[in-house]
């Protein structure tokens, strides 16, 4: 597949610097296209050195690239090897969270993005043929939040799952991926706002949110797309005001909150 290219200038090989990226590109293609299955072993380093016809340093750099992307795990030792991992939403979400942290993005910016995406998803869902089964699933997710309403961390995760699934059910995969990218940040934010503050009981606030979710499910089931979009836009606006008012003002503040 990939071969080391020889060069004469100063004894250097011009293609050597690009070689790890070429190997990584080839293996990444095999992984994302499914030619290499999740959990499949690529063997050991000597196997891949021979397979690609490259030097061990080039191969190791390529493996470091893929390991940083979460696409492989390199297990050292006699019983070790290189194991393939298919890309998943959690990997993407974590990368997005790190990028937002690095840019010191305001939380308001994150919620503005969600406030644009989710009402559109609500409208699409209310227009879909599968709206009744979707409404039933939304109710189930609301019920799961109710079960953990007194546990801020668990409630944050369950609430985040509701929002992510709302977008996923709408059927647009691109919107779904974008929403999932924000999942980790959203879960932490909801957990933070759910913590008792100055003796106030935040359970009442969470309960109002769940009643709003139930209203959305009813509008989706009825096929009232315009009302579903309007209702959820208002919901997102109110929730955004509550969340952004908390101690953490930026994504990096929030990620360091615990």
C-alpha atoms as a PDB file:
ATOM      1  CA  UNK A   1       0.000   0.000   0.000  1.00  0.00           C
ATOM      2  CA  UNK A   2       2.380   2.634   1.262  1.00  0.00           C
ATOM      3  CA  UNK A   3       6.085   2.452   0.539  1.00  0.00           C
ATOM      4  CA  UNK A   4       8.972   4.521   1.805  1.00  0.00           C
ATOM      5  CA  UNK A   5      10.193   6.841  -0.914  1.00  0.00           C
ATOM      6  CA  UNK A   6      13.925   7.225  -1.299  1.00  0.00           C
ATOM      7  CA  UNK A   7      15.638  10.532  -1.934  1.00  0.00           C
ATOM      8  CA  UNK A   8      19.185  11.427  -2.756  1.00  0.00           C
ATOM      9  CA  UNK A   9      19.444  14.943  -1.361  1.00  0.00           C
ATOM     10  CA  UNK A  10      21.708  14.961   1.694  1.00  0.00           C
ATOM     11  CA  UNK A  11      20.839  11.331   2.372  1.00  0.00           C
ATOM     12  CA  UNK A  12      17.293  12.352   3.365  1.00  0.00           C
ATOM     13  CA  UNK A  13      14.100  10.752   2.180  1.00  0.00           C
ATOM     14  CA  UNK A  14      11.763  13.586   1.102  1.00  0.00           C
ATOM     15  CA  UNK A  15       8.620  11.612   1.745  1.00  0.00           C
ATOM     16  CA  UNK A  16       9.560  10.522   5.244  1.00  0.00           C
ATOM     17  CA  UNK A  17       7.855  13.372   7.056  1.00  0.00           C
ATOM     18  CA  UNK A  18       4.585  12.694   5.236  1.00  0.00           C
ATOM     19  CA  UNK A  19       4.804   8.939   5.641  1.00  0.00           C
ATOM     20  CA  UNK A  20       3.147   8.639   9.089  1.00  0.00           C
ATOM     21  CA  UNK A  21       0.212  10.715   7.848  1.00  0.00           C
ATOM     22  CA  UNK A  22      -0.121   8.525   4.769  1.00  0.00           C
ATOM     23  CA  UNK A  23      -0.209   5.381   6.872  1.00  0.00           C
ATOM     24  CA  UNK A  24      -2.692   6.986   9.274  1.00  0.00           C
ATOM     25  CA  UNK A  25      -4.885   8.086   6.351  1.00  0.00           C
ATOM     26  CA  UNK A  26      -4.958   4.574   4.915  1.00  0.00           C
ATOM     27  CA  UNK A  27      -5.798   2.904   8.221  1.00  0.00           C
ATOM     28  CA  UNK A  28      -8.382   5.588   9.026  1.00  0.00           C
ATOM     29  CA  UNK A  29     -10.073   4.947   5.686  1.00  0.00           C
ATOM     30  CA  UNK A  30     -10.258   1.219   6.411  1.00  0.00           C
ATOM     31  CA  UNK A  31     -11.764   1.915   9.842  1.00  0.00           C
ATOM     32  CA  UNK A  32     -14.390   4.501   8.872  1.00  0.00           C
ATOM     33  CA  UNK A  33     -15.539   2.491   5.844  1.00  0.00           C
ATOM     34  CA  UNK A  34     -16.021  -0.570   8.016  1.00  0.00           C
ATOM     35  CA  UNK A  35     -13.367  -2.677   6.311  1.00  0.00           C
ATOM     36  CA  UNK A  36     -11.805  -2.927   9.749  1.00  0.00           C
ATOM     37  CA  UNK A  37     -14.443  -3.779  12.337  1.00  0.00           C
ATOM     38  CA  UNK A  38     -14.722  -2.438  15.853  1.00  0.00           C
ATOM     39  CA  UNK A  39     -12.580  -4.558  18.161  1.00  0.00           C
ATOM     40  CA  UNK A  40     -10.643  -6.123  15.306  1.00  0.00           C
ATOM     41  CA  UNK A  41      -6.923  -6.622  15.853  1.00  0.00           C
ATOM     42  CA  UNK A  42      -4.429  -5.181  13.393  1.00  0.00           C
ATOM     43  CA  UNK A  43      -1.759  -7.467  14.785  1.00  0.00           C
ATOM     44  CA  UNK A  44       1.586  -6.278  16.105  1.00  0.00           C
ATOM     45  CA  UNK A  45       3.976  -3.587  14.934  1.00  0.00           C
ATOM     46  CA  UNK A  46       6.189  -5.994  12.932  1.00  0.00           C
ATOM     47  CA  UNK A  47       3.109  -7.167  11.018  1.00  0.00           C
ATOM     48  CA  UNK A  48       2.241  -3.606  10.008  1.00  0.00           C
ATOM     49  CA  UNK A  49       5.848  -2.681   9.204  1.00  0.00           C
ATOM     50  CA  UNK A  50       5.876  -5.532   6.699  1.00  0.00           C
ATOM     51  CA  UNK A  51       2.354  -4.816   5.443  1.00  0.00           C
ATOM     52  CA  UNK A  52       3.060  -1.170   4.643  1.00  0.00           C
ATOM     53  CA  UNK A  53       6.729  -1.496   3.785  1.00  0.00           C
ATOM     54  CA  UNK A  54       7.712   1.339   6.097  1.00  0.00           C
ATOM     55  CA  UNK A  55      10.119   1.952   8.948  1.00  0.00           C
ATOM     56  CA  UNK A  56       9.111   1.312  12.547  1.00  0.00           C
ATOM     57  CA  UNK A  57       9.427   5.040  13.505  1.00  0.00           C
ATOM     58  CA  UNK A  58       7.036   6.011  10.687  1.00  0.00           C
ATOM     59  CA  UNK A  59       4.568   3.337  11.740  1.00  0.00           C
ATOM     60  CA  UNK A  60       4.698   4.332  15.395  1.00  0.00           C
ATOM     61  CA  UNK A  61       4.031   7.976  14.568  1.00  0.00           C
ATOM     62  CA  UNK A  62       1.033   6.931  12.448  1.00  0.00           C
ATOM     63  CA  UNK A  63      -0.293   4.821  15.315  1.00  0.00           C
ATOM     64  CA  UNK A  64       0.094   7.762  17.695  1.00  0.00           C
ATOM     65  CA  UNK A  65      -2.028   9.877  15.351  1.00  0.00           C
ATOM     66  CA  UNK A  66      -4.804   7.282  15.255  1.00  0.00           C
ATOM     67  CA  UNK A  67      -4.618   6.611  18.979  1.00  0.00           C
ATOM     68  CA  UNK A  68      -5.020  10.343  19.672  1.00  0.00           C
ATOM     69  CA  UNK A  69      -8.124  10.282  17.469  1.00  0.00           C
ATOM     70  CA  UNK A  70      -9.518   7.374  19.474  1.00  0.00           C
ATOM     71  CA  UNK A  71      -9.541   5.063  16.454  1.00  0.00           C
ATOM     72  CA  UNK A  72      -7.145   2.482  17.871  1.00  0.00           C
ATOM     73  CA  UNK A  73      -5.730   1.277  21.161  1.00  0.00           C
ATOM     74  CA  UNK A  74      -2.110   0.171  21.256  1.00  0.00           C
ATOM     75  CA  UNK A  75      -1.516  -2.509  23.856  1.00  0.00           C
ATOM     76  CA  UNK A  76       2.136  -3.046  24.663  1.00  0.00           C
ATOM     77  CA  UNK A  77       3.853  -6.288  25.611  1.00  0.00           C
ATOM     78  CA  UNK A  78       3.948  -9.841  24.332  1.00  0.00           C
ATOM     79  CA  UNK A  79       0.183 -10.257  24.574  1.00  0.00           C
ATOM     80  CA  UNK A  80      -0.500  -6.783  23.229  1.00  0.00           C
ATOM     81  CA  UNK A  81      -1.461  -5.596  19.788  1.00  0.00           C
ATOM     82  CA  UNK A  82      -3.371  -2.873  17.995  1.00  0.00           C
ATOM     83  CA  UNK A  83      -7.155  -2.875  18.388  1.00  0.00           C
ATOM     84  CA  UNK A  84      -9.550  -0.962  16.132  1.00  0.00           C
ATOM     85  CA  UNK A  85     -12.326   1.334  17.432  1.00  0.00           C
ATOM     86  CA  UNK A  86     -15.113   2.660  15.244  1.00  0.00           C
ATOM     87  CA  UNK A  87     -15.744   6.429  15.585  1.00  0.00           C
ATOM     88  CA  UNK A  88     -18.504   7.259  18.054  1.00  0.00           C
ATOM     89  CA  UNK A  89     -20.395  10.287  19.282  1.00  0.00           C
ATOM     90  CA  UNK A  90     -18.668  10.393  22.645  1.00  0.00           C
ATOM     91  CA  UNK A  91     -15.299  10.788  20.936  1.00  0.00           C
ATOM     92  CA  UNK A  92     -16.606  13.650  18.814  1.00  0.00           C
ATOM     93  CA  UNK A  93     -18.310  15.296  21.770  1.00  0.00           C
ATOM     94  CA  UNK A  94     -15.155  15.269  23.855  1.00  0.00           C
ATOM     95  CA  UNK A  95     -13.117  16.789  21.029  1.00  0.00           C
ATOM     96  CA  UNK A  96     -15.708  19.529  20.563  1.00  0.00           C
ATOM     97  CA  UNK A  97     -15.750  20.249  24.287  1.00  0.00           C
ATOM     98  CA  UNK A  98     -11.969  20.619  24.305  1.00  0.00           C
ATOM     99  CA  UNK A  99     -12.068  22.989  21.331  1.00  0.00           C
ATOM    100  CA  UNK A 100     -14.728  25.136  22.983  1.00  0.00           C
ATOM    101  CA  UNK A 101     -12.658  25.214  26.161  1.00  0.00           C
ATOM    102  CA  UNK A 102      -9.531  26.206  24.251  1.00  0.00           C
ATOM    103  CA  UNK A 103     -11.385  29.132  22.688  1.00  0.00           C
ATOM    104  CA  UNK A 104     -12.920  30.106  26.030  1.00  0.00           C
ATOM    105  CA  UNK A 105     -16.376  30.083  24.463  1.00  0.00           C
ATOM    106  CA  UNK A 106     -19.148  31.720  26.542  1.00  0.00           C
ATOM    107  CA  UNK A 107     -21.849  29.348  27.716  1.00  0.00           C
ATOM    108  CA  UNK A 108     -24.392  31.711  26.167  1.00  0.00           C
ATOM    109  CA  UNK A 109     -22.882  30.874  22.778  1.00  0.00           C
ATOM    110  CA  UNK A 110     -23.430  27.148  23.351  1.00  0.00           C
ATOM    111  CA  UNK A 111     -27.059  27.655  24.355  1.00  0.00           C
ATOM    112  CA  UNK A 112     -27.708  29.980  21.445  1.00  0.00           C
ATOM    113  CA  UNK A 113     -26.566  27.170  19.142  1.00  0.00           C
ATOM    114  CA  UNK A 114     -28.843  24.662  20.857  1.00  0.00           C
ATOM    115  CA  UNK A 115     -31.683  27.178  20.756  1.00  0.00           C
ATOM    116  CA  UNK A 116     -31.362  27.334  16.976  1.00  0.00           C
ATOM    117  CA  UNK A 117     -31.107  23.588  16.414  1.00  0.00           C
ATOM    118  CA  UNK A 118     -33.690  22.029  18.728  1.00  0.00           C
ATOM    119  CA  UNK A 119     -36.832  24.014  17.777  1.00  0.00           C
ATOM    120  CA  UNK A 120     -36.192  23.101  14.137  1.00  0.00           C
ATOM    121  CA  UNK A 121     -35.835  19.463  15.192  1.00  0.00           C
ATOM    122  CA  UNK A 122     -39.130  19.701  17.086  1.00  0.00           C
ATOM    123  CA  UNK A 123     -40.875  20.994  13.974  1.00  0.00           C
ATOM    124  CA  UNK A 124     -39.389  18.268  11.757  1.00  0.00           C
ATOM    125  CA  UNK A 125     -40.378  15.630  14.281  1.00  0.00           C
ATOM    126  CA  UNK A 126     -43.982  16.850  14.479  1.00  0.00           C
ATOM    127  CA  UNK A 127     -44.144  16.676  10.677  1.00  0.00           C
ATOM    128  CA  UNK A 128     -42.766  13.145  10.466  1.00  0.00           C
ATOM    129  CA  UNK A 129     -44.764   9.973   9.897  1.00  0.00           C
ATOM    130  CA  UNK A 130     -43.208   8.439  12.987  1.00  0.00           C
ATOM    131  CA  UNK A 131     -44.297  11.299  15.268  1.00  0.00           C
ATOM    132  CA  UNK A 132     -46.471   9.091  17.504  1.00  0.00           C
ATOM    133  CA  UNK A 133     -43.697   6.625  18.286  1.00  0.00           C
ATOM    134  CA  UNK A 134     -41.295   9.551  18.679  1.00  0.00           C
ATOM    135  CA  UNK A 135     -43.643  11.220  21.168  1.00  0.00           C
ATOM    136  CA  UNK A 136     -43.781   7.974  23.139  1.00  0.00           C
ATOM    137  CA  UNK A 137     -39.987   7.866  23.276  1.00  0.00           C
ATOM    138  CA  UNK A 138     -39.801  11.484  24.415  1.00  0.00           C
ATOM    139  CA  UNK A 139     -42.217  10.647  27.229  1.00  0.00           C
ATOM    140  CA  UNK A 140     -40.068   7.698  28.225  1.00  0.00           C
ATOM    141  CA  UNK A 141     -36.986   9.915  28.381  1.00  0.00           C
ATOM    142  CA  UNK A 142     -38.885  12.452  30.471  1.00  0.00           C
ATOM    143  CA  UNK A 143     -39.913   9.665  32.850  1.00  0.00           C
ATOM    144  CA  UNK A 144     -36.268   8.626  33.196  1.00  0.00           C
ATOM    145  CA  UNK A 145     -35.379  12.161  34.244  1.00  0.00           C
ATOM    146  CA  UNK A 146     -38.180  12.145  36.795  1.00  0.00           C
ATOM    147  CA  UNK A 147     -36.726   9.017  38.375  1.00  0.00           C
ATOM    148  CA  UNK A 148     -33.430  10.823  39.083  1.00  0.00           C
ATOM    149  CA  UNK A 149     -34.784  14.327  39.703  1.00  0.00           C
ATOM    150  CA  UNK A 150     -33.133  14.446  43.137  1.00  0.00           C
ATOM    151  CA  UNK A 151     -29.693  13.446  41.821  1.00  0.00           C
ATOM    152  CA  UNK A 152     -28.173  16.478  40.007  1.00  0.00           C
ATOM    153  CA  UNK A 153     -25.454  14.575  38.160  1.00  0.00           C
ATOM    154  CA  UNK A 154     -27.741  11.755  37.011  1.00  0.00           C
ATOM    155  CA  UNK A 155     -30.423  14.273  36.099  1.00  0.00           C
ATOM    156  CA  UNK A 156     -27.915  16.238  34.010  1.00  0.00           C
ATOM    157  CA  UNK A 157     -27.013  13.130  32.014  1.00  0.00           C
ATOM    158  CA  UNK A 158     -30.641  12.069  31.561  1.00  0.00           C
ATOM    159  CA  UNK A 159     -31.664  15.583  30.520  1.00  0.00           C
ATOM    160  CA  UNK A 160     -28.829  15.751  28.017  1.00  0.00           C
ATOM    161  CA  UNK A 161     -29.966  12.397  26.587  1.00  0.00           C
ATOM    162  CA  UNK A 162     -33.475  13.830  26.046  1.00  0.00           C
ATOM    163  CA  UNK A 163     -32.145  16.810  24.101  1.00  0.00           C
ATOM    164  CA  UNK A 164     -29.761  14.728  22.002  1.00  0.00           C
ATOM    165  CA  UNK A 165     -32.470  12.174  21.188  1.00  0.00           C
ATOM    166  CA  UNK A 166     -34.959  14.893  20.242  1.00  0.00           C
ATOM    167  CA  UNK A 167     -32.603  16.027  17.488  1.00  0.00           C
ATOM    168  CA  UNK A 168     -31.708  12.475  16.490  1.00  0.00           C
ATOM    169  CA  UNK A 169     -35.376  11.506  16.100  1.00  0.00           C
ATOM    170  CA  UNK A 170     -35.882  14.401  13.686  1.00  0.00           C
ATOM    171  CA  UNK A 171     -33.877  12.379  11.177  1.00  0.00           C
ATOM    172  CA  UNK A 172     -31.199  14.868  10.123  1.00  0.00           C
ATOM    173  CA  UNK A 173     -27.885  13.194  10.863  1.00  0.00           C
ATOM    174  CA  UNK A 174     -25.817  16.359  10.571  1.00  0.00           C
ATOM    175  CA  UNK A 175     -27.954  18.182  13.130  1.00  0.00           C
ATOM    176  CA  UNK A 176     -27.795  15.105  15.335  1.00  0.00           C
ATOM    177  CA  UNK A 177     -23.997  15.025  15.293  1.00  0.00           C
ATOM    178  CA  UNK A 178     -23.792  18.730  16.109  1.00  0.00           C
ATOM    179  CA  UNK A 179     -26.205  18.278  19.022  1.00  0.00           C
ATOM    180  CA  UNK A 180     -24.259  15.289  20.314  1.00  0.00           C
ATOM    181  CA  UNK A 181     -21.058  17.318  20.222  1.00  0.00           C
ATOM    182  CA  UNK A 182     -22.569  19.575  22.886  1.00  0.00           C
ATOM    183  CA  UNK A 183     -23.815  16.710  25.047  1.00  0.00           C
ATOM    184  CA  UNK A 184     -21.000  16.655  27.607  1.00  0.00           C
ATOM    185  CA  UNK A 185     -21.161  20.413  28.146  1.00  0.00           C
ATOM    186  CA  UNK A 186     -24.933  20.353  28.445  1.00  0.00           C
ATOM    187  CA  UNK A 187     -24.896  17.529  30.997  1.00  0.00           C
ATOM    188  CA  UNK A 188     -22.417  19.388  33.195  1.00  0.00           C
ATOM    189  CA  UNK A 189     -24.358  22.630  32.918  1.00  0.00           C
ATOM    190  CA  UNK A 190     -27.652  21.027  33.936  1.00  0.00           C
ATOM    191  CA  UNK A 191     -25.928  19.242  36.820  1.00  0.00           C
ATOM    192  CA  UNK A 192     -24.434  22.567  37.958  1.00  0.00           C
ATOM    193  CA  UNK A 193     -27.759  24.396  37.863  1.00  0.00           C
ATOM    194  CA  UNK A 194     -29.422  21.489  39.688  1.00  0.00           C
ATOM    195  CA  UNK A 195     -27.169  21.836  42.720  1.00  0.00           C
ATOM    196  CA  UNK A 196     -28.875  23.463  45.748  1.00  0.00           C
ATOM    197  CA  UNK A 197     -27.852  27.110  45.878  1.00  0.00           C
ATOM    198  CA  UNK A 198     -28.205  29.242  49.017  1.00  0.00           C
ATOM    199  CA  UNK A 199     -30.778  26.873  50.428  1.00  0.00           C
ATOM    200  CA  UNK A 200     -33.087  27.071  47.426  1.00  0.00           C
ATOM    201  CA  UNK A 201     -34.695  23.868  46.194  1.00  0.00           C
ATOM    202  CA  UNK A 202     -33.963  23.527  42.485  1.00  0.00           C
ATOM    203  CA  UNK A 203     -36.204  20.447  42.120  1.00  0.00           C
ATOM    204  CA  UNK A 204     -39.145  22.734  41.351  1.00  0.00           C
ATOM    205  CA  UNK A 205     -37.232  24.220  38.410  1.00  0.00           C
ATOM    206  CA  UNK A 206     -36.410  20.754  37.096  1.00  0.00           C
ATOM    207  CA  UNK A 207     -40.046  19.696  37.475  1.00  0.00           C
ATOM    208  CA  UNK A 208     -41.205  22.678  35.387  1.00  0.00           C
ATOM    209  CA  UNK A 209     -38.766  21.637  32.702  1.00  0.00           C
ATOM    210  CA  UNK A 210     -40.197  18.127  32.656  1.00  0.00           C
ATOM    211  CA  UNK A 211     -43.734  19.487  32.316  1.00  0.00           C
ATOM    212  CA  UNK A 212     -42.528  21.496  29.333  1.00  0.00           C
ATOM    213  CA  UNK A 213     -41.085  18.328  27.813  1.00  0.00           C
ATOM    214  CA  UNK A 214     -44.447  16.607  28.266  1.00  0.00           C
ATOM    215  CA  UNK A 215     -46.119  19.505  26.455  1.00  0.00           C
ATOM    216  CA  UNK A 216     -43.682  19.116  23.584  1.00  0.00           C
ATOM    217  CA  UNK A 217     -44.426  15.399  23.321  1.00  0.00           C
ATOM    218  CA  UNK A 218     -48.150  16.172  23.106  1.00  0.00           C
ATOM    219  CA  UNK A 219     -47.624  18.729  20.324  1.00  0.00           C
ATOM    220  CA  UNK A 220     -45.399  16.331  18.407  1.00  0.00           C
ATOM    221  CA  UNK A 221     -47.957  13.540  18.704  1.00  0.00           C
ATOM    222  CA  UNK A 222     -50.705  15.889  17.487  1.00  0.00           C
ATOM    223  CA  UNK A 223     -48.609  16.833  14.468  1.00  0.00           C
ATOM    224  CA  UNK A 224     -48.756  20.548  15.321  1.00  0.00           C
ATOM    225  CA  UNK A 225     -45.390  21.454  13.860  1.00  0.00           C
ATOM    226  CA  UNK A 226     -45.666  25.233  14.219  1.00  0.00           C
ATOM    227  CA  UNK A 227     -46.752  25.038  17.858  1.00  0.00           C
ATOM    228  CA  UNK A 228     -44.045  22.466  18.650  1.00  0.00           C
ATOM    229  CA  UNK A 229     -41.362  24.724  17.202  1.00  0.00           C
ATOM    230  CA  UNK A 230     -42.673  27.822  18.993  1.00  0.00           C
ATOM    231  CA  UNK A 231     -43.068  26.040  22.320  1.00  0.00           C
ATOM    232  CA  UNK A 232     -39.588  24.554  22.232  1.00  0.00           C
ATOM    233  CA  UNK A 233     -37.972  27.822  21.150  1.00  0.00           C
ATOM    234  CA  UNK A 234     -39.479  29.475  24.227  1.00  0.00           C
ATOM    235  CA  UNK A 235     -38.422  26.536  26.406  1.00  0.00           C
ATOM    236  CA  UNK A 236     -34.830  26.799  25.190  1.00  0.00           C
ATOM    237  CA  UNK A 237     -34.831  30.546  25.762  1.00  0.00           C
ATOM    238  CA  UNK A 238     -35.996  30.199  29.368  1.00  0.00           C
ATOM    239  CA  UNK A 239     -33.645  27.312  30.164  1.00  0.00           C
ATOM    240  CA  UNK A 240     -30.759  29.185  28.581  1.00  0.00           C
ATOM    241  CA  UNK A 241     -31.363  32.193  30.826  1.00  0.00           C
ATOM    242  CA  UNK A 242     -31.332  29.981  33.919  1.00  0.00           C
ATOM    243  CA  UNK A 243     -28.214  28.061  32.944  1.00  0.00           C
ATOM    244  CA  UNK A 244     -26.152  31.038  31.815  1.00  0.00           C
ATOM    245  CA  UNK A 245     -26.962  32.829  35.083  1.00  0.00           C
ATOM    246  CA  UNK A 246     -24.961  30.255  37.033  1.00  0.00           C
ATOM    247  CA  UNK A 247     -21.439  30.659  38.419  1.00  0.00           C
ATOM    248  CA  UNK A 248     -19.745  29.192  35.357  1.00  0.00           C
ATOM    249  CA  UNK A 249     -19.709  31.762  32.566  1.00  0.00           C
ATOM    250  CA  UNK A 250     -17.585  29.990  29.989  1.00  0.00           C
ATOM    251  CA  UNK A 251     -17.161  26.398  28.868  1.00  0.00           C
ATOM    252  CA  UNK A 252     -13.780  26.121  30.549  1.00  0.00           C
ATOM    253  CA  UNK A 253     -15.256  27.443  33.817  1.00  0.00           C
ATOM    254  CA  UNK A 254     -17.914  24.771  33.629  1.00  0.00           C
ATOM    255  CA  UNK A 255     -15.548  21.905  32.824  1.00  0.00           C
ATOM    256  CA  UNK A 256     -13.425  22.889  35.825  1.00  0.00           C
ATOM    257  CA  UNK A 257     -16.454  23.292  38.076  1.00  0.00           C
ATOM    258  CA  UNK A 258     -16.108  19.792  39.552  1.00  0.00           C
END
